[in-house]
Amino acid sequence: MEIIQGGPEHVDVAALIWAHAVAVRDGYDEVPTLEQARPGIQNALKDEPSLLLLAQQNGEAVGFLAGGPQETGVAYINYVGVHPEAWGKGVGEALLRALPDALVKNGYGAAQLLVYVDNVRGVRLYERLGWIKVGDPAPHPRNGRVEQRYSFSLAQRDTGRESV
């Protein structure tokens, strides 16, 4: 698997991965269209420095991570998406393991994200990779599903390396 830095030319492929992933994760009857999925990805990347990482297997994108600035020195990760056909193959983990270098490259010292608490696979992955819960779970403002904020700090990662 190869993780590459994505650009504007990769927005549509990321949007389609996301559409397929949420359709399966949330039990939709139909996969959202590209036109429905694209605006969310574009919005996540609208402010600089933005982050778009793509996971590729055999030259085909199977996952992505997208986000941008939340506050000075902190990136907000809007999306970590893996095509359902690649679930369980380490794609999400590979993207998250590549994130620290992308954070450094873009001038960030930390990242945050929100994950639905019923997304057990996602929660397990973030916690296993050292993401820390921040605050209490809260309902999403649009759909009411409960989500938890997680934070990852490069300083925590570096401190962890020293104690190993």
Protein backbone atom coordinates (compact mmCIF):
# COMPACT_ATOMS: atom_id res chain seq x y z
CA MET A 1 0.00 0.00 0.00
CA GLU A 2 1.21 3.46 -0.86
CA ILE A 3 0.13 6.70 0.84
CA ILE A 4 0.38 9.75 -1.40
CA GLN A 5 -0.29 13.46 -0.98
CA GLY A 6 -3.50 14.23 -2.83
CA GLY A 7 -4.51 17.37 -4.64
CA PRO A 8 -7.59 18.94 -6.23
CA GLU A 9 -7.55 16.25 -8.91
CA HIS A 10 -8.28 13.65 -6.19
CA VAL A 11 -11.40 15.24 -4.69
CA ASP A 12 -13.82 13.17 -6.76
CA VAL A 13 -12.14 9.85 -5.99
CA ALA A 14 -12.19 10.72 -2.26
CA ALA A 15 -15.86 11.71 -2.49
CA LEU A 16 -16.77 8.41 -4.13
CA ILE A 17 -14.87 6.42 -1.50
CA TRP A 18 -16.75 8.35 1.19
CA ALA A 19 -20.11 7.78 -0.50
CA HIS A 20 -19.57 4.02 -0.60
CA ALA A 21 -18.21 3.89 2.95
CA VAL A 22 -21.10 5.77 4.57
CA ALA A 23 -23.67 3.85 2.55
CA VAL A 24 -22.42 0.60 4.05
CA ARG A 25 -21.58 1.99 7.51
CA ASP A 26 -24.97 3.67 7.93
CA GLY A 27 -27.09 1.13 6.02
CA TYR A 28 -28.27 3.42 3.19
CA ASP A 29 -30.42 1.84 0.50
CA GLU A 30 -28.44 3.71 -2.17
CA VAL A 31 -24.90 5.04 -2.41
CA PRO A 32 -24.88 8.85 -2.43
CA THR A 33 -24.02 10.35 -5.79
CA LEU A 34 -20.75 12.12 -6.54
CA GLU A 35 -22.69 15.39 -6.65
CA GLN A 36 -23.98 14.72 -3.12
CA ALA A 37 -20.60 13.64 -1.71
CA ARG A 38 -18.25 16.12 -3.43
CA PRO A 39 -19.25 19.32 -1.54
CA GLY A 40 -18.29 17.87 1.83
CA ILE A 41 -14.81 16.94 0.66
CA GLN A 42 -14.36 20.30 -1.07
CA ASN A 43 -15.43 22.10 2.10
CA ALA A 44 -12.95 20.10 4.20
CA LEU A 45 -10.13 21.22 1.91
CA LYS A 46 -11.15 24.85 1.36
CA ASP A 47 -8.79 26.42 3.89
CA GLU A 48 -5.01 26.17 3.77
CA PRO A 49 -2.98 24.36 4.74
CA SER A 50 -5.31 21.50 3.88
CA LEU A 51 -4.53 17.80 4.16
CA LEU A 52 -5.48 15.16 1.64
CA LEU A 53 -3.80 11.78 1.86
CA LEU A 54 -4.74 8.91 -0.43
CA ALA A 55 -4.11 5.23 0.19
CA GLN A 56 -3.51 3.34 -3.02
CA GLN A 57 -3.29 -0.37 -3.70
CA ASN A 58 -2.16 -1.49 -7.15
CA GLY A 59 -2.54 2.10 -8.35
CA GLU A 60 -6.16 2.38 -7.23
CA ALA A 61 -7.32 4.68 -4.41
CA VAL A 62 -8.92 2.65 -1.62
CA GLY A 63 -8.96 5.21 1.20
CA PHE A 64 -8.32 8.82 2.07
CA LEU A 65 -7.93 11.29 4.91
CA ALA A 66 -8.97 14.94 4.50
CA GLY A 67 -9.00 18.04 6.65
CA GLY A 68 -7.65 21.48 7.27
CA PRO A 69 -7.03 24.12 9.89
CA GLN A 70 -9.17 24.22 13.00
CA GLU A 71 -7.13 26.71 14.99
CA THR A 72 -3.52 27.79 15.03
CA GLY A 73 -1.35 24.69 14.93
CA VAL A 74 -4.29 22.25 15.05
CA ALA A 75 -5.73 20.42 12.06
CA TYR A 76 -9.29 19.18 12.01
CA ILE A 77 -9.62 15.81 10.28
CA ASN A 78 -13.04 15.91 8.63
CA TYR A 79 -12.76 12.54 6.92
CA VAL A 80 -11.04 9.20 7.28
CA GLY A 81 -12.69 7.06 4.64
CA VAL A 82 -11.98 3.57 3.37
CA HIS A 83 -13.87 1.88 0.55
CA PRO A 84 -15.86 -1.02 2.05
CA GLU A 85 -14.09 -3.51 -0.23
CA ALA A 86 -10.84 -2.56 1.56
CA TRP A 87 -12.18 -2.66 5.13
CA GLY A 88 -10.08 -4.76 7.49
CA LYS A 89 -6.96 -4.50 5.33
CA GLY A 90 -5.10 -1.82 7.32
CA VAL A 91 -5.97 1.11 5.07
CA GLY A 92 -7.28 3.39 7.83
CA GLU A 93 -4.33 2.55 10.02
CA ALA A 94 -1.86 3.29 7.20
CA LEU A 95 -3.49 6.68 6.60
CA LEU A 96 -3.40 7.58 10.30
CA ARG A 97 0.22 6.45 10.62
CA ALA A 98 1.12 8.74 7.69
CA LEU A 99 -0.70 11.68 9.27
CA PRO A 100 2.08 12.86 11.66
CA ASP A 101 4.46 13.54 8.78
CA ALA A 102 1.72 15.40 6.90
CA LEU A 103 0.98 17.45 10.02
CA VAL A 104 4.63 18.44 10.35
CA LYS A 105 4.88 19.26 6.63
CA ASN A 106 1.86 21.56 6.91
CA GLY A 107 2.89 23.27 10.14
CA TYR A 108 0.52 21.53 12.54
CA GLY A 109 1.41 20.23 16.00
CA ALA A 110 -1.84 18.39 16.64
CA ALA A 111 -5.04 17.11 15.06
CA GLN A 112 -8.59 16.57 16.21
CA LEU A 113 -11.54 14.70 14.81
CA LEU A 114 -15.04 13.59 15.73
CA VAL A 115 -16.21 10.00 15.45
CA TYR A 116 -19.65 8.53 16.05
CA VAL A 117 -19.46 6.47 19.24
CA ASP A 118 -21.36 3.65 17.52
CA ASN A 119 -18.57 3.43 14.90
CA VAL A 120 -16.85 0.79 17.01
CA ARG A 121 -14.19 -0.04 14.41
CA GLY A 122 -13.20 3.62 14.10
CA VAL A 123 -13.15 4.22 17.85
CA ARG A 124 -10.95 1.15 18.40
CA LEU A 125 -8.54 2.27 15.68
CA TYR A 126 -8.15 5.82 17.01
CA GLU A 127 -7.63 4.67 20.58
CA ARG A 128 -5.15 1.96 19.56
CA LEU A 129 -3.11 4.58 17.69
CA GLY A 130 -2.94 6.93 20.66
CA TRP A 131 -5.76 9.37 19.98
CA ILE A 132 -7.13 10.76 23.26
CA LYS A 133 -10.79 11.47 24.10
CA VAL A 134 -11.51 15.16 24.63
CA GLY A 135 -14.61 16.09 26.62
CA ASP A 136 -17.84 14.20 26.79
CA PRO A 137 -19.70 12.62 23.88
CA ALA A 138 -22.38 14.89 22.41
CA PRO A 139 -25.13 14.56 19.81
CA HIS A 140 -24.32 15.69 16.28
CA PRO A 141 -26.22 18.94 15.63
CA ARG A 142 -27.88 17.71 12.42
CA ASN A 143 -28.61 14.03 12.94
CA GLY A 144 -28.48 13.54 16.71
CA ARG A 145 -26.02 10.62 16.56
CA VAL A 146 -23.64 10.76 19.49
CA GLU A 147 -20.04 11.58 18.62
CA GLN A 148 -16.81 11.86 20.57
CA ARG A 149 -13.97 14.31 19.95
CA TYR A 150 -10.45 12.84 19.83
CA SER A 151 -7.10 14.59 19.78
CA PHE A 152 -3.65 13.57 18.59
CA SER A 153 -0.57 15.57 19.47
CA LEU A 154 2.84 15.29 17.88
CA ALA A 155 4.31 16.14 21.30
CA GLN A 156 2.54 13.11 22.82
CA ARG A 157 3.84 10.91 20.04
CA ASP A 158 7.40 12.17 20.50
CA THR A 159 7.20 11.72 24.28
CA GLY A 160 5.92 8.19 23.76
CA ARG A 161 8.89 7.36 21.55
CA GLU A 162 11.35 8.52 24.17
CA SER A 163 9.87 6.29 26.86
CA VAL A 164 9.97 3.13 24.73
